[in-house]
Amino acid sequence: MAIIITDECINCDACIVECPNNAIYEPGQEWAFADETALSGTVTSPTGEEIDADKMNEPISDEFYFIVPDKCTECKGFHDEPQCASVCPVDCCVPDVNHVESEDALLEKKAWLHAE
């Protein structure tokens, strides 16, 4: 399951540098799958969806930092626990019940994002 940042976020910036998938963005920031990943151009996601990795997408939040669920792997394959949650001073990085994925699916997503 992906991690979500709740509205309790104080926009401290601690989480953003910890994410190995560059899935965390500042409030109001546009994002792309290609941002600091191996993806470029038109790619097929692990779920079979065709995606323009370079396309800039609308921000998920204009008020606080946000995590793109399709880029979040809960740090599987990198760390034993989600790094955003481990460094968050207000414990606002929590499991996203709307994006539940198996460990195998998270590892497949990691491999896809980093061309492994």
Protein backbone atom coordinates (compact mmCIF):
# COMPACT_ATOMS: atom_id res chain seq x y z
CA MET A 1 0.00 0.00 0.00
CA ALA A 2 1.24 3.48 -0.72
CA ILE A 3 1.90 6.06 1.95
CA ILE A 4 -0.16 9.26 2.15
CA ILE A 5 0.67 12.56 3.84
CA THR A 6 -2.23 13.81 5.94
CA ASP A 7 -3.36 17.39 6.38
CA GLU A 8 -1.44 17.46 9.68
CA CYS A 9 1.71 18.04 7.58
CA ILE A 10 3.69 21.09 8.73
CA ASN A 11 5.59 21.33 5.40
CA CYS A 12 8.92 20.83 7.16
CA ASP A 13 10.62 19.23 4.13
CA ALA A 14 12.12 16.31 6.11
CA CYS A 15 10.50 13.61 3.98
CA ILE A 16 11.23 14.82 0.47
CA VAL A 17 14.94 13.96 0.37
CA GLU A 18 14.36 10.55 1.96
CA CYS A 19 12.19 9.16 -0.85
CA PRO A 20 14.18 6.83 -3.14
CA ASN A 21 11.50 7.07 -5.85
CA ASN A 22 11.09 10.84 -5.85
CA ALA A 23 7.40 10.30 -5.10
CA ILE A 24 7.08 13.24 -2.67
CA TYR A 25 6.42 16.75 -3.91
CA GLU A 26 5.98 20.22 -2.46
CA PRO A 27 2.53 21.75 -2.20
CA GLY A 28 1.32 22.95 -5.58
CA GLN A 29 4.17 21.31 -7.50
CA GLU A 30 3.48 19.57 -10.81
CA TRP A 31 5.00 16.10 -11.10
CA ALA A 32 6.01 13.51 -13.69
CA PHE A 33 6.83 9.82 -13.59
CA ALA A 34 10.19 10.67 -15.17
CA ASP A 35 11.24 12.87 -12.23
CA GLU A 36 14.44 11.21 -10.96
CA THR A 37 13.45 7.75 -12.22
CA ALA A 38 14.59 5.71 -15.22
CA LEU A 39 11.31 6.37 -17.04
CA SER A 40 11.10 8.48 -20.19
CA GLY A 41 8.67 8.82 -23.06
CA THR A 42 5.70 6.49 -23.41
CA VAL A 43 5.95 3.54 -21.02
CA THR A 44 3.66 0.74 -19.91
CA SER A 45 3.05 0.59 -16.17
CA PRO A 46 3.13 -2.69 -14.22
CA THR A 47 -0.69 -2.60 -14.33
CA GLY A 48 -0.66 -2.37 -18.16
CA GLU A 49 -1.53 1.32 -18.46
CA GLU A 50 0.27 3.39 -21.11
CA ILE A 51 1.79 6.50 -19.54
CA ASP A 52 3.68 9.48 -20.90
CA ALA A 53 6.43 9.53 -18.26
CA ASP A 54 7.48 13.07 -19.20
CA LYS A 55 3.99 14.58 -18.95
CA MET A 56 3.60 17.09 -16.15
CA ASN A 57 0.64 16.23 -13.91
CA GLU A 58 -1.43 18.46 -11.68
CA PRO A 59 -0.42 18.68 -8.01
CA ILE A 60 -2.28 16.35 -5.67
CA SER A 61 -2.27 19.02 -2.95
CA ASP A 62 -1.82 22.78 -2.93
CA GLU A 63 -1.66 22.95 0.87
CA PHE A 64 0.88 20.37 2.04
CA TYR A 65 3.49 17.94 0.75
CA PHE A 66 2.03 14.99 -1.13
CA ILE A 67 3.02 11.52 -2.28
CA VAL A 68 2.21 10.26 -5.78
CA PRO A 69 0.76 6.81 -5.04
CA ASP A 70 1.82 5.39 -8.42
CA LYS A 71 5.47 6.19 -7.56
CA CYS A 72 5.38 5.10 -3.89
CA THR A 73 6.76 1.65 -3.08
CA GLU A 74 6.85 2.07 0.72
CA CYS A 75 10.64 1.98 0.20
CA LYS A 76 10.43 -1.78 -0.51
CA GLY A 77 13.73 -2.97 -1.93
CA PHE A 78 15.53 0.05 -0.46
CA HIS A 79 14.76 0.12 3.28
CA ASP A 80 12.97 -1.92 5.94
CA GLU A 81 10.39 0.81 6.53
CA PRO A 82 9.02 3.85 4.68
CA GLN A 83 11.62 6.56 5.18
CA CYS A 84 9.13 9.42 5.00
CA ALA A 85 7.29 8.01 8.01
CA SER A 86 10.51 7.39 9.93
CA VAL A 87 11.67 11.02 9.64
CA CYS A 88 8.31 12.80 9.94
CA PRO A 89 8.24 14.88 13.16
CA VAL A 90 4.43 14.94 13.32
CA ASP A 91 3.68 11.36 12.17
CA CYS A 92 1.57 12.45 9.21
CA CYS A 93 2.99 9.88 6.73
CA VAL A 94 0.59 6.97 7.10
CA PRO A 95 -0.57 3.98 5.02
CA ASP A 96 -2.99 4.96 2.26
CA VAL A 97 -5.95 2.59 2.56
CA ASN A 98 -7.11 3.67 -0.91
CA HIS A 99 -3.94 2.29 -2.54
CA VAL A 100 -3.35 -1.20 -1.14
CA GLU A 101 -0.68 -3.25 -2.94
CA SER A 102 1.13 -6.48 -2.17
CA GLU A 103 4.85 -6.54 -1.46
CA ASP A 104 5.39 -8.23 -4.83
CA ALA A 105 3.49 -5.43 -6.60
CA LEU A 106 5.52 -2.78 -4.75
CA LEU A 107 8.79 -4.50 -5.73
CA GLU A 108 7.60 -4.75 -9.34
CA LYS A 109 6.80 -1.02 -9.31
CA LYS A 110 10.28 -0.29 -7.89
CA ALA A 111 11.89 -2.32 -10.68
CA TRP A 112 9.77 -0.49 -13.27
CA LEU A 113 10.62 2.96 -11.92
CA HIS A 114 14.36 2.22 -11.85
CA ALA A 115 14.69 -0.01 -14.96
CA GLU A 116 15.90 -3.01 -12.99
